[in-house]
Amino acid sequence: MNICPNCGAQINRSDSFCESCGSQIKKKSTLNLGVIIAALAIVVLGGLILLCFINRWGPFAPNSQNSISNTNIPSQTSSPTTNPSIAPTIVGAPEDAIKDYYDNLIKIKYSNSYNSLSKANRDSTSQKDYLKWKYLKKVYSVDKSYGFVKVSEKTDSKLEGKVYEKVVTFKITKNIVDSSYKNPKQSLKYDDYVVLENGEWKLHILEMNIKSFIAYAYSDIAYKYEQGRGYSRNYAKAVQNYKYALKYLYRDGFTHHGLAYCYKALKNYKASIPYIKNAVLFYKTKKLKAEACVTAGNIYYALHNTSKARAYYNTALKLDPKNADAKYNLKNM
């Protein structure tokens, strides 16, 4: 029996409240002192065992690689250790760059194909001009399929004045449908180059002069209208596209020759004269210059200026003695 500390009445050990005064009974802890001492002993013993383990096998043990010793402490005069530069991780393979570029061309995703180009290509060509070139070519030439074969791979190789980590050469076969040709189905074969820059494989187009590419695309469209290939023959539209081409590349003999031919076909002979003179000037081979001279002779003959016509035919034969048109026209004047 226990006694209530408030009123002194006798209470049972299990009672929580005194039946006489109603006071709450605070029970004394029944935890045995021996148990407490035993628990403390276990904790102390465990700590000693852990300390011994660390000293014997831990990171600071005498034989440990991480232990501190005088031999591992660098002297004040020793030079600090520097970490070597980490090379960037190479993503994919060079073949992936070829696939990415040409797959996007076939799918007409030209923005994606632009992003597949090397930094040098993108630095020299804005995306706007690249898209203009591709969409102009799409008017008359559609990419259908392609194949490629790896030819070579060189390390620390120079391409157009820049050294790349790697340069891989591929032989490309591209099948197209081009209305500028009499046989629209064409198979083109050429080399392409893939370069490794900053861990990424990128396709690099050699001699990428985008202004010239746009000019040639306009000239090809004009020629299509001039010859009636793919569209009905339309000399006025041919003249329009040839003039667009001149805005991007003026010193091009083919474009000036085309303008002269179209103005002649429209019977605007005087308008054709400055263009045919430029064609003779800008063409780079004797054979092409001779062809332009024949056209010039035909224009002057249409203007009833036989002396200038004859002079141009003779010049054509000096440039190209095998030119059949010049021979025929001189014979039948």
C-alpha atoms as a PDB file:
ATOM      1  CA  MET A   1       0.000   0.000   0.000  1.00  0.00           C
ATOM      2  CA  ASN A   2       1.085   3.593  -0.663  1.00  0.00           C
ATOM      3  CA  ILE A   3       0.122   6.847   1.072  1.00  0.00           C
ATOM      4  CA  CYS A   4      -1.353   9.896  -0.757  1.00  0.00           C
ATOM      5  CA  PRO A   5       1.200  12.712  -0.439  1.00  0.00           C
ATOM      6  CA  ASN A   6      -1.652  15.267  -0.282  1.00  0.00           C
ATOM      7  CA  CYS A   7      -4.046  13.921   2.354  1.00  0.00           C
ATOM      8  CA  GLY A   8      -2.198  10.929   3.839  1.00  0.00           C
ATOM      9  CA  ALA A   9      -4.866   8.397   2.947  1.00  0.00           C
ATOM     10  CA  GLN A  10      -3.830   4.901   1.992  1.00  0.00           C
ATOM     11  CA  ILE A  11      -3.968   4.132  -1.772  1.00  0.00           C
ATOM     12  CA  ASN A  12      -3.127   1.166  -3.996  1.00  0.00           C
ATOM     13  CA  ARG A  13       0.099   1.136  -6.030  1.00  0.00           C
ATOM     14  CA  SER A  14      -1.876   0.967  -9.267  1.00  0.00           C
ATOM     15  CA  ASP A  15      -4.060   4.008  -8.457  1.00  0.00           C
ATOM     16  CA  SER A  16      -3.531   7.131 -10.539  1.00  0.00           C
ATOM     17  CA  PHE A  17      -5.769   9.345  -8.371  1.00  0.00           C
ATOM     18  CA  CYS A  18      -6.474   9.448  -4.578  1.00  0.00           C
ATOM     19  CA  GLU A  19     -10.009   8.280  -3.784  1.00  0.00           C
ATOM     20  CA  SER A  20     -10.122  10.572  -0.703  1.00  0.00           C
ATOM     21  CA  CYS A  21      -8.924  13.947  -2.095  1.00  0.00           C
ATOM     22  CA  GLY A  22      -8.828  13.302  -5.866  1.00  0.00           C
ATOM     23  CA  SER A  23      -5.195  14.367  -6.254  1.00  0.00           C
ATOM     24  CA  GLN A  24      -3.174  12.890  -9.152  1.00  0.00           C
ATOM     25  CA  ILE A  25      -0.617  10.415  -7.976  1.00  0.00           C
ATOM     26  CA  LYS A  26       2.861  10.780  -9.548  1.00  0.00           C
ATOM     27  CA  LYS A  27       4.268   7.340  -9.954  1.00  0.00           C
ATOM     28  CA  LYS A  28       7.925   6.760  -9.221  1.00  0.00           C
ATOM     29  CA  SER A  29      10.028   5.228 -11.929  1.00  0.00           C
ATOM     30  CA  THR A  30      10.230   1.520 -11.479  1.00  0.00           C
ATOM     31  CA  LEU A  31      13.350   1.219 -13.606  1.00  0.00           C
ATOM     32  CA  ASN A  32      15.935  -0.801 -11.779  1.00  0.00           C
ATOM     33  CA  LEU A  33      19.201   0.984 -11.101  1.00  0.00           C
ATOM     34  CA  GLY A  34      21.096  -2.142 -12.081  1.00  0.00           C
ATOM     35  CA  VAL A  35      19.544  -2.093 -15.532  1.00  0.00           C
ATOM     36  CA  ILE A  36      20.631   1.516 -16.050  1.00  0.00           C
ATOM     37  CA  ILE A  37      24.183   0.749 -15.020  1.00  0.00           C
ATOM     38  CA  ALA A  38      24.319  -2.255 -17.359  1.00  0.00           C
ATOM     39  CA  ALA A  39      23.082  -0.161 -20.311  1.00  0.00           C
ATOM     40  CA  LEU A  40      25.690   2.508 -19.700  1.00  0.00           C
ATOM     41  CA  ALA A  41      28.390  -0.133 -19.572  1.00  0.00           C
ATOM     42  CA  ILE A  42      27.315  -1.524 -22.970  1.00  0.00           C
ATOM     43  CA  VAL A  43      27.455   1.944 -24.537  1.00  0.00           C
ATOM     44  CA  VAL A  44      30.934   2.642 -23.157  1.00  0.00           C
ATOM     45  CA  LEU A  45      32.208  -0.763 -24.287  1.00  0.00           C
ATOM     46  CA  GLY A  46      30.819  -0.292 -27.787  1.00  0.00           C
ATOM     47  CA  GLY A  47      32.531   3.080 -28.081  1.00  0.00           C
ATOM     48  CA  LEU A  48      35.870   1.581 -27.078  1.00  0.00           C
ATOM     49  CA  ILE A  49      35.512  -1.187 -29.679  1.00  0.00           C
ATOM     50  CA  LEU A  50      34.684   1.371 -32.421  1.00  0.00           C
ATOM     51  CA  LEU A  51      37.691   3.507 -31.504  1.00  0.00           C
ATOM     52  CA  CYS A  52      39.999   0.513 -31.706  1.00  0.00           C
ATOM     53  CA  PHE A  53      38.612  -0.375 -35.154  1.00  0.00           C
ATOM     54  CA  ILE A  54      39.212   3.143 -36.497  1.00  0.00           C
ATOM     55  CA  ASN A  55      42.771   3.226 -35.172  1.00  0.00           C
ATOM     56  CA  ARG A  56      43.588  -0.185 -36.637  1.00  0.00           C
ATOM     57  CA  TRP A  57      41.772  -0.249 -39.994  1.00  0.00           C
ATOM     58  CA  GLY A  58      40.331   3.229 -40.525  1.00  0.00           C
ATOM     59  CA  PRO A  59      41.401   5.909 -43.026  1.00  0.00           C
ATOM     60  CA  PHE A  60      44.017   7.315 -40.637  1.00  0.00           C
ATOM     61  CA  ALA A  61      45.613   3.980 -39.730  1.00  0.00           C
ATOM     62  CA  PRO A  62      49.423   3.907 -40.239  1.00  0.00           C
ATOM     63  CA  ASN A  63      49.218   1.791 -43.410  1.00  0.00           C
ATOM     64  CA  SER A  64      46.251   3.603 -44.914  1.00  0.00           C
ATOM     65  CA  GLN A  65      46.661   5.635 -48.122  1.00  0.00           C
ATOM     66  CA  ASN A  66      44.739   8.439 -46.426  1.00  0.00           C
ATOM     67  CA  SER A  67      46.897   8.470 -43.276  1.00  0.00           C
ATOM     68  CA  ILE A  68      48.700  11.688 -42.553  1.00  0.00           C
ATOM     69  CA  SER A  69      52.474  11.463 -42.522  1.00  0.00           C
ATOM     70  CA  ASN A  70      55.306  13.819 -43.030  1.00  0.00           C
ATOM     71  CA  THR A  71      56.103  12.301 -46.434  1.00  0.00           C
ATOM     72  CA  ASN A  72      52.655  13.221 -47.773  1.00  0.00           C
ATOM     73  CA  ILE A  73      52.779  16.840 -46.691  1.00  0.00           C
ATOM     74  CA  PRO A  74      54.151  18.960 -49.546  1.00  0.00           C
ATOM     75  CA  SER A  75      56.960  21.322 -48.661  1.00  0.00           C
ATOM     76  CA  GLN A  76      56.452  25.025 -49.061  1.00  0.00           C
ATOM     77  CA  THR A  77      58.936  25.075 -51.927  1.00  0.00           C
ATOM     78  CA  SER A  78      57.291  22.315 -53.967  1.00  0.00           C
ATOM     79  CA  SER A  79      55.144  23.315 -56.955  1.00  0.00           C
ATOM     80  CA  PRO A  80      51.367  22.718 -56.665  1.00  0.00           C
ATOM     81  CA  THR A  81      49.869  19.799 -58.561  1.00  0.00           C
ATOM     82  CA  THR A  82      47.622  20.710 -61.521  1.00  0.00           C
ATOM     83  CA  ASN A  83      44.855  18.552 -62.977  1.00  0.00           C
ATOM     84  CA  PRO A  84      45.195  17.790 -66.700  1.00  0.00           C
ATOM     85  CA  SER A  85      42.479  19.233 -68.940  1.00  0.00           C
ATOM     86  CA  ILE A  86      39.637  16.862 -69.555  1.00  0.00           C
ATOM     87  CA  ALA A  87      38.877  16.239 -73.247  1.00  0.00           C
ATOM     88  CA  PRO A  88      35.210  16.680 -74.207  1.00  0.00           C
ATOM     89  CA  THR A  89      33.183  13.515 -74.615  1.00  0.00           C
ATOM     90  CA  ILE A  90      32.667  12.607 -78.288  1.00  0.00           C
ATOM     91  CA  VAL A  91      28.974  12.311 -79.086  1.00  0.00           C
ATOM     92  CA  GLY A  92      28.018   9.708 -81.702  1.00  0.00           C
ATOM     93  CA  ALA A  93      29.925   8.820 -84.870  1.00  0.00           C
ATOM     94  CA  PRO A  94      30.799  10.771 -88.063  1.00  0.00           C
ATOM     95  CA  GLU A  95      28.213   8.748 -89.976  1.00  0.00           C
ATOM     96  CA  ASP A  96      25.530  10.255 -87.717  1.00  0.00           C
ATOM     97  CA  ALA A  97      26.301  13.749 -89.048  1.00  0.00           C
ATOM     98  CA  ILE A  98      25.815  12.556 -92.650  1.00  0.00           C
ATOM     99  CA  LYS A  99      22.531  10.863 -91.778  1.00  0.00           C
ATOM    100  CA  ASP A 100      21.250  13.828 -89.795  1.00  0.00           C
ATOM    101  CA  TYR A 101      21.991  16.310 -92.591  1.00  0.00           C
ATOM    102  CA  TYR A 102      20.601  14.315 -95.517  1.00  0.00           C
ATOM    103  CA  ASP A 103      17.602  12.889 -93.654  1.00  0.00           C
ATOM    104  CA  ASN A 104      16.522  16.443 -92.874  1.00  0.00           C
ATOM    105  CA  LEU A 105      17.037  17.502 -96.502  1.00  0.00           C
ATOM    106  CA  ILE A 106      14.763  14.716 -97.725  1.00  0.00           C
ATOM    107  CA  LYS A 107      12.159  15.591 -95.063  1.00  0.00           C
ATOM    108  CA  ILE A 108      12.453  19.279 -96.085  1.00  0.00           C
ATOM    109  CA  LYS A 109      13.461  20.211 -92.534  1.00  0.00           C
ATOM    110  CA  TYR A 110      16.001  22.750 -93.684  1.00  0.00           C
ATOM    111  CA  SER A 111      16.380  24.484 -90.306  1.00  0.00           C
ATOM    112  CA  ASN A 112      17.514  21.176 -88.820  1.00  0.00           C
ATOM    113  CA  SER A 113      19.950  20.541 -91.662  1.00  0.00           C
ATOM    114  CA  TYR A 114      21.433  24.015 -91.088  1.00  0.00           C
ATOM    115  CA  ASN A 115      22.102  23.095 -87.440  1.00  0.00           C
ATOM    116  CA  SER A 116      24.026  20.016 -88.661  1.00  0.00           C
ATOM    117  CA  LEU A 117      26.648  22.230 -90.337  1.00  0.00           C
ATOM    118  CA  SER A 118      30.058  23.089 -88.917  1.00  0.00           C
ATOM    119  CA  LYS A 119      30.555  26.310 -86.994  1.00  0.00           C
ATOM    120  CA  ALA A 120      32.651  27.695 -89.861  1.00  0.00           C
ATOM    121  CA  ASN A 121      29.754  27.129 -92.283  1.00  0.00           C
ATOM    122  CA  ARG A 122      27.229  28.687 -89.906  1.00  0.00           C
ATOM    123  CA  ASP A 123      29.498  31.651 -89.190  1.00  0.00           C
ATOM    124  CA  SER A 124      29.778  32.441 -92.907  1.00  0.00           C
ATOM    125  CA  THR A 125      26.124  31.747 -93.721  1.00  0.00           C
ATOM    126  CA  SER A 126      23.048  33.073 -91.964  1.00  0.00           C
ATOM    127  CA  GLN A 127      20.165  30.688 -91.456  1.00  0.00           C
ATOM    128  CA  LYS A 128      17.947  33.073 -93.447  1.00  0.00           C
ATOM    129  CA  ASP A 129      20.179  32.878 -96.535  1.00  0.00           C
ATOM    130  CA  TYR A 130      20.609  29.111 -96.151  1.00  0.00           C
ATOM    131  CA  LEU A 131      16.829  28.594 -96.075  1.00  0.00           C
ATOM    132  CA  LYS A 132      16.396  30.890 -99.078  1.00  0.00           C
ATOM    133  CA  TRP A 133      18.897  28.807-101.054  1.00  0.00           C
ATOM    134  CA  LYS A 134      17.277  25.492-100.146  1.00  0.00           C
ATOM    135  CA  TYR A 135      13.717  26.603-100.855  1.00  0.00           C
ATOM    136  CA  LEU A 136      14.768  28.090-104.209  1.00  0.00           C
ATOM    137  CA  LYS A 137      16.421  24.803-105.216  1.00  0.00           C
ATOM    138  CA  LYS A 138      13.325  22.918-104.113  1.00  0.00           C
ATOM    139  CA  VAL A 139      11.391  24.689-106.912  1.00  0.00           C
ATOM    140  CA  TYR A 140      13.133  22.533-109.519  1.00  0.00           C
ATOM    141  CA  SER A 141      15.255  19.961-107.658  1.00  0.00           C
ATOM    142  CA  VAL A 142      13.979  17.520-105.036  1.00  0.00           C
ATOM    143  CA  ASP A 143      16.239  15.234-102.978  1.00  0.00           C
ATOM    144  CA  LYS A 144      14.916  11.668-103.018  1.00  0.00           C
ATOM    145  CA  SER A 145      17.535   9.355-101.489  1.00  0.00           C
ATOM    146  CA  TYR A 146      21.221   9.112-100.699  1.00  0.00           C
ATOM    147  CA  GLY A 147      24.036   6.731 -99.869  1.00  0.00           C
ATOM    148  CA  PHE A 148      27.538   7.201 -98.511  1.00  0.00           C
ATOM    149  CA  VAL A 149      30.853   5.406 -98.107  1.00  0.00           C
ATOM    150  CA  LYS A 150      33.585   6.406 -95.674  1.00  0.00           C
ATOM    151  CA  VAL A 151      36.819   7.147 -97.557  1.00  0.00           C
ATOM    152  CA  SER A 152      39.290   8.373 -94.944  1.00  0.00           C
ATOM    153  CA  GLU A 153      39.702   9.730 -91.415  1.00  0.00           C
ATOM    154  CA  LYS A 154      42.519  12.094 -90.399  1.00  0.00           C
ATOM    155  CA  THR A 155      43.504  13.488 -86.996  1.00  0.00           C
ATOM    156  CA  ASP A 156      44.486  17.136 -86.465  1.00  0.00           C
ATOM    157  CA  SER A 157      43.763  17.846 -90.109  1.00  0.00           C
ATOM    158  CA  LYS A 158      43.370  21.233 -91.786  1.00  0.00           C
ATOM    159  CA  LEU A 159      40.278  22.055 -93.824  1.00  0.00           C
ATOM    160  CA  GLU A 160      39.907  25.467 -95.483  1.00  0.00           C
ATOM    161  CA  GLY A 161      42.553  26.976 -93.213  1.00  0.00           C
ATOM    162  CA  LYS A 162      41.217  25.598 -89.928  1.00  0.00           C
ATOM    163  CA  VAL A 163      42.629  22.646 -87.990  1.00  0.00           C
ATOM    164  CA  TYR A 164      40.045  20.164 -86.702  1.00  0.00           C
ATOM    165  CA  GLU A 165      40.421  17.368 -84.173  1.00  0.00           C
ATOM    166  CA  LYS A 166      39.328  14.927 -86.879  1.00  0.00           C
ATOM    167  CA  VAL A 167      38.282  15.225 -90.533  1.00  0.00           C
ATOM    168  CA  VAL A 168      36.389  12.331 -92.136  1.00  0.00           C
ATOM    169  CA  THR A 169      35.828  12.158 -95.899  1.00  0.00           C
ATOM    170  CA  PHE A 170      32.733  10.475 -97.333  1.00  0.00           C
ATOM    171  CA  LYS A 171      31.776   9.648-100.909  1.00  0.00           C
ATOM    172  CA  ILE A 172      28.143  10.700-101.358  1.00  0.00           C
ATOM    173  CA  THR A 173      25.652   9.432-103.927  1.00  0.00           C
ATOM    174  CA  LYS A 174      22.487  11.542-103.985  1.00  0.00           C
ATOM    175  CA  ASN A 175      19.458  10.765-106.142  1.00  0.00           C
ATOM    176  CA  ILE A 176      17.345  13.753-107.162  1.00  0.00           C
ATOM    177  CA  VAL A 177      14.506  14.746-109.470  1.00  0.00           C
ATOM    178  CA  ASP A 178      15.545  17.926-111.297  1.00  0.00           C
ATOM    179  CA  SER A 179      13.230  19.468-113.894  1.00  0.00           C
ATOM    180  CA  SER A 180      16.130  21.489-115.351  1.00  0.00           C
ATOM    181  CA  TYR A 181      17.422  18.323-117.041  1.00  0.00           C
ATOM    182  CA  LYS A 182      15.849  16.561-119.993  1.00  0.00           C
ATOM    183  CA  ASN A 183      16.012  13.422-117.869  1.00  0.00           C
ATOM    184  CA  PRO A 184      14.758  14.669-114.478  1.00  0.00           C
ATOM    185  CA  LYS A 185      16.037  11.656-112.525  1.00  0.00           C
ATOM    186  CA  GLN A 186      19.674  12.344-111.775  1.00  0.00           C
ATOM    187  CA  SER A 187      22.318  10.685-109.613  1.00  0.00           C
ATOM    188  CA  LEU A 188      24.985  13.017-108.246  1.00  0.00           C
ATOM    189  CA  LYS A 189      28.328  11.845-106.838  1.00  0.00           C
ATOM    190  CA  TYR A 190      30.658  14.035-104.789  1.00  0.00           C
ATOM    191  CA  ASP A 191      32.730  14.191-101.589  1.00  0.00           C
ATOM    192  CA  ASP A 192      31.470  15.497 -98.255  1.00  0.00           C
ATOM    193  CA  TYR A 193      33.469  16.197 -95.121  1.00  0.00           C
ATOM    194  CA  VAL A 194      32.562  15.654 -91.473  1.00  0.00           C
ATOM    195  CA  VAL A 195      34.613  17.440 -88.812  1.00  0.00           C
ATOM    196  CA  LEU A 196      34.910  16.903 -85.064  1.00  0.00           C
ATOM    197  CA  GLU A 197      34.633  20.115 -83.080  1.00  0.00           C
ATOM    198  CA  ASN A 198      34.122  20.309 -79.299  1.00  0.00           C
ATOM    199  CA  GLY A 199      33.093  16.660 -79.124  1.00  0.00           C
ATOM    200  CA  GLU A 200      30.418  16.928 -81.853  1.00  0.00           C
ATOM    201  CA  TRP A 201      30.469  15.660 -85.446  1.00  0.00           C
ATOM    202  CA  LYS A 202      29.376  18.299 -87.975  1.00  0.00           C
ATOM    203  CA  LEU A 203      29.084  18.298 -91.763  1.00  0.00           C
ATOM    204  CA  HIS A 204      31.297  20.862 -93.493  1.00  0.00           C
ATOM    205  CA  ILE A 205      30.452  22.149 -96.993  1.00  0.00           C
ATOM    206  CA  LEU A 206      33.554  23.246 -98.906  1.00  0.00           C
ATOM    207  CA  GLU A 207      33.648  26.704-100.516  1.00  0.00           C
ATOM    208  CA  MET A 208      30.268  27.620 -99.074  1.00  0.00           C
ATOM    209  CA  ASN A 209      29.593  30.984-100.715  1.00  0.00           C
ATOM    210  CA  ILE A 210      25.893  31.309 -99.988  1.00  0.00           C
ATOM    211  CA  LYS A 211      25.430  34.398-102.189  1.00  0.00           C
ATOM    212  CA  SER A 212      26.723  32.436-105.186  1.00  0.00           C
ATOM    213  CA  PHE A 213      24.527  29.464-104.260  1.00  0.00           C
ATOM    214  CA  ILE A 214      21.424  31.684-104.216  1.00  0.00           C
ATOM    215  CA  ALA A 215      22.426  33.284-107.526  1.00  0.00           C
ATOM    216  CA  TYR A 216      22.870  29.870-109.172  1.00  0.00           C
ATOM    217  CA  ALA A 217      19.479  28.769-107.858  1.00  0.00           C
ATOM    218  CA  TYR A 218      17.783  31.817-109.411  1.00  0.00           C
ATOM    219  CA  SER A 219      19.668  31.222-112.675  1.00  0.00           C
ATOM    220  CA  ASP A 220      18.551  27.588-112.722  1.00  0.00           C
ATOM    221  CA  ILE A 221      14.911  28.662-112.267  1.00  0.00           C
ATOM    222  CA  ALA A 222      15.334  31.223-115.053  1.00  0.00           C
ATOM    223  CA  TYR A 223      16.840  28.606-117.351  1.00  0.00           C
ATOM    224  CA  LYS A 224      13.884  26.339-116.643  1.00  0.00           C
ATOM    225  CA  TYR A 225      11.494  29.067-117.826  1.00  0.00           C
ATOM    226  CA  GLU A 226      13.767  29.898-120.768  1.00  0.00           C
ATOM    227  CA  GLN A 227      13.862  26.297-122.020  1.00  0.00           C
ATOM    228  CA  GLY A 228      10.352  25.327-120.965  1.00  0.00           C
ATOM    229  CA  ARG A 229      11.505  22.536-118.666  1.00  0.00           C
ATOM    230  CA  GLY A 230       9.134  21.760-115.850  1.00  0.00           C
ATOM    231  CA  TYR A 231       7.087  24.854-116.700  1.00  0.00           C
ATOM    232  CA  SER A 232       5.762  26.378-119.899  1.00  0.00           C
ATOM    233  CA  ARG A 233       8.340  28.509-121.671  1.00  0.00           C
ATOM    234  CA  ASN A 234       8.107  32.044-120.329  1.00  0.00           C
ATOM    235  CA  TYR A 235      10.865  34.468-121.328  1.00  0.00           C
ATOM    236  CA  ALA A 236       9.532  37.293-119.158  1.00  0.00           C
ATOM    237  CA  LYS A 237       9.756  35.159-116.018  1.00  0.00           C
ATOM    238  CA  ALA A 238      13.156  33.943-117.124  1.00  0.00           C
ATOM    239  CA  VAL A 239      14.360  37.559-117.360  1.00  0.00           C
ATOM    240  CA  GLN A 240      12.934  38.282-113.904  1.00  0.00           C
ATOM    241  CA  ASN A 241      14.800  35.399-112.277  1.00  0.00           C
ATOM    242  CA  TYR A 242      18.045  36.090-114.137  1.00  0.00           C
ATOM    243  CA  LYS A 243      17.948  39.645-112.776  1.00  0.00           C
ATOM    244  CA  TYR A 244      17.359  38.309-109.256  1.00  0.00           C
ATOM    245  CA  ALA A 245      20.486  36.212-109.745  1.00  0.00           C
ATOM    246  CA  LEU A 246      22.558  39.262-110.717  1.00  0.00           C
ATOM    247  CA  LYS A 247      21.718  40.901-107.373  1.00  0.00           C
ATOM    248  CA  TYR A 248      23.614  38.110-105.624  1.00  0.00           C
ATOM    249  CA  LEU A 249      26.359  37.457-108.199  1.00  0.00           C
ATOM    250  CA  TYR A 250      26.876  40.039-110.928  1.00  0.00           C
ATOM    251  CA  ARG A 251      30.020  38.765-112.613  1.00  0.00           C
ATOM    252  CA  ASP A 252      28.516  35.522-113.916  1.00  0.00           C
ATOM    253  CA  GLY A 253      28.720  34.830-117.636  1.00  0.00           C
ATOM    254  CA  PHE A 254      25.902  32.283-117.669  1.00  0.00           C
ATOM    255  CA  THR A 255      23.371  34.709-116.181  1.00  0.00           C
ATOM    256  CA  HIS A 256      24.284  37.544-118.570  1.00  0.00           C
ATOM    257  CA  HIS A 257      24.167  35.144-121.509  1.00  0.00           C
ATOM    258  CA  GLY A 258      20.721  33.961-120.433  1.00  0.00           C
ATOM    259  CA  LEU A 259      19.411  37.514-120.211  1.00  0.00           C
ATOM    260  CA  ALA A 260      20.773  38.332-123.664  1.00  0.00           C
ATOM    261  CA  TYR A 261      19.178  35.193-125.122  1.00  0.00           C
ATOM    262  CA  CYS A 262      15.780  35.936-123.537  1.00  0.00           C
ATOM    263  CA  TYR A 263      15.729  39.580-124.648  1.00  0.00           C
ATOM    264  CA  LYS A 264      16.643  38.401-128.157  1.00  0.00           C
ATOM    265  CA  ALA A 265      13.744  35.907-128.038  1.00  0.00           C
ATOM    266  CA  LEU A 266      11.463  38.775-126.976  1.00  0.00           C
ATOM    267  CA  LYS A 267      12.870  40.747-129.963  1.00  0.00           C
ATOM    268  CA  ASN A 268      14.235  43.404-127.629  1.00  0.00           C
ATOM    269  CA  TYR A 269      17.632  43.315-129.330  1.00  0.00           C
ATOM    270  CA  LYS A 270      18.996  46.563-127.955  1.00  0.00           C
ATOM    271  CA  ALA A 271      18.321  45.445-124.379  1.00  0.00           C
ATOM    272  CA  SER A 272      20.225  42.210-125.037  1.00  0.00           C
ATOM    273  CA  ILE A 273      23.457  43.849-126.275  1.00  0.00           C
ATOM    274  CA  PRO A 274      25.006  44.941-122.912  1.00  0.00           C
ATOM    275  CA  TYR A 275      24.278  41.524-121.404  1.00  0.00           C
ATOM    276  CA  ILE A 276      25.885  39.563-124.235  1.00  0.00           C
ATOM    277  CA  LYS A 277      28.975  41.776-124.056  1.00  0.00           C
ATOM    278  CA  ASN A 278      29.203  41.054-120.329  1.00  0.00           C
ATOM    279  CA  ALA A 279      28.814  37.337-121.025  1.00  0.00           C
ATOM    280  CA  VAL A 280      31.847  37.415-123.347  1.00  0.00           C
ATOM    281  CA  LEU A 281      33.744  39.320-120.658  1.00  0.00           C
ATOM    282  CA  PHE A 282      32.772  37.191-117.636  1.00  0.00           C
ATOM    283  CA  TYR A 283      32.970  33.701-119.129  1.00  0.00           C
ATOM    284  CA  LYS A 284      36.240  32.053-118.093  1.00  0.00           C
ATOM    285  CA  THR A 285      36.805  29.516-120.890  1.00  0.00           C
ATOM    286  CA  LYS A 286      37.409  30.110-124.578  1.00  0.00           C
ATOM    287  CA  LYS A 287      34.665  27.686-125.553  1.00  0.00           C
ATOM    288  CA  LEU A 288      32.025  29.548-123.540  1.00  0.00           C
ATOM    289  CA  LYS A 289      33.278  32.913-124.777  1.00  0.00           C
ATOM    290  CA  ALA A 290      32.946  31.584-128.337  1.00  0.00           C
ATOM    291  CA  GLU A 291      29.319  30.576-127.698  1.00  0.00           C
ATOM    292  CA  ALA A 292      28.562  34.062-126.363  1.00  0.00           C
ATOM    293  CA  CYS A 293      30.175  35.572-129.474  1.00  0.00           C
ATOM    294  CA  VAL A 294      27.859  33.494-131.680  1.00  0.00           C
ATOM    295  CA  THR A 295      24.842  34.837-129.763  1.00  0.00           C
ATOM    296  CA  ALA A 296      26.191  38.374-130.133  1.00  0.00           C
ATOM    297  CA  GLY A 297      26.588  37.798-133.886  1.00  0.00           C
ATOM    298  CA  ASN A 298      22.987  36.591-134.088  1.00  0.00           C
ATOM    299  CA  ILE A 299      21.735  39.701-132.244  1.00  0.00           C
ATOM    300  CA  TYR A 300      23.585  42.071-134.574  1.00  0.00           C
ATOM    301  CA  TYR A 301      22.429  40.086-137.591  1.00  0.00           C
ATOM    302  CA  ALA A 302      18.832  40.545-136.396  1.00  0.00           C
ATOM    303  CA  LEU A 303      19.561  44.300-136.194  1.00  0.00           C
ATOM    304  CA  HIS A 304      20.788  44.107-139.836  1.00  0.00           C
ATOM    305  CA  ASN A 305      24.313  44.995-138.753  1.00  0.00           C
ATOM    306  CA  THR A 306      26.109  42.334-140.788  1.00  0.00           C
ATOM    307  CA  SER A 307      29.587  43.745-140.287  1.00  0.00           C
ATOM    308  CA  LYS A 308      29.434  43.389-136.502  1.00  0.00           C
ATOM    309  CA  ALA A 309      27.709  40.038-136.848  1.00  0.00           C
ATOM    310  CA  ARG A 310      30.541  38.781-139.080  1.00  0.00           C
ATOM    311  CA  ALA A 311      33.162  40.148-136.667  1.00  0.00           C
ATOM    312  CA  TYR A 312      31.635  38.260-133.733  1.00  0.00           C
ATOM    313  CA  TYR A 313      31.399  35.007-135.747  1.00  0.00           C
ATOM    314  CA  ASN A 314      35.068  35.296-136.679  1.00  0.00           C
ATOM    315  CA  THR A 315      36.008  35.993-133.057  1.00  0.00           C
ATOM    316  CA  ALA A 316      34.082  32.881-132.064  1.00  0.00           C
ATOM    317  CA  LEU A 317      36.119  30.767-134.472  1.00  0.00           C
ATOM    318  CA  LYS A 318      39.388  32.218-133.162  1.00  0.00           C
ATOM    319  CA  LEU A 319      38.351  31.222-129.654  1.00  0.00           C
ATOM    320  CA  ASP A 320      36.980  27.833-130.702  1.00  0.00           C
ATOM    321  CA  PRO A 321      37.873  26.702-134.253  1.00  0.00           C
ATOM    322  CA  LYS A 322      35.432  23.792-133.927  1.00  0.00           C
ATOM    323  CA  ASN A 323      32.371  25.970-133.257  1.00  0.00           C
ATOM    324  CA  ALA A 324      29.864  24.666-135.833  1.00  0.00           C
ATOM    325  CA  ASP A 325      27.330  27.508-135.395  1.00  0.00           C
ATOM    326  CA  ALA A 326      29.915  30.188-136.181  1.00  0.00           C
ATOM    327  CA  LYS A 327      31.026  28.285-139.299  1.00  0.00           C
ATOM    328  CA  TYR A 328      27.435  27.793-140.507  1.00  0.00           C
ATOM    329  CA  ASN A 329      26.406  31.412-139.921  1.00  0.00           C
ATOM    330  CA  LEU A 330      29.456  32.803-141.747  1.00  0.00           C
ATOM    331  CA  LYS A 331      28.813  30.493-144.672  1.00  0.00           C
ATOM    332  CA  ASN A 332      25.152  31.482-144.989  1.00  0.00           C
ATOM    333  CA  MET A 333      25.347  35.259-144.440  1.00  0.00           C
END
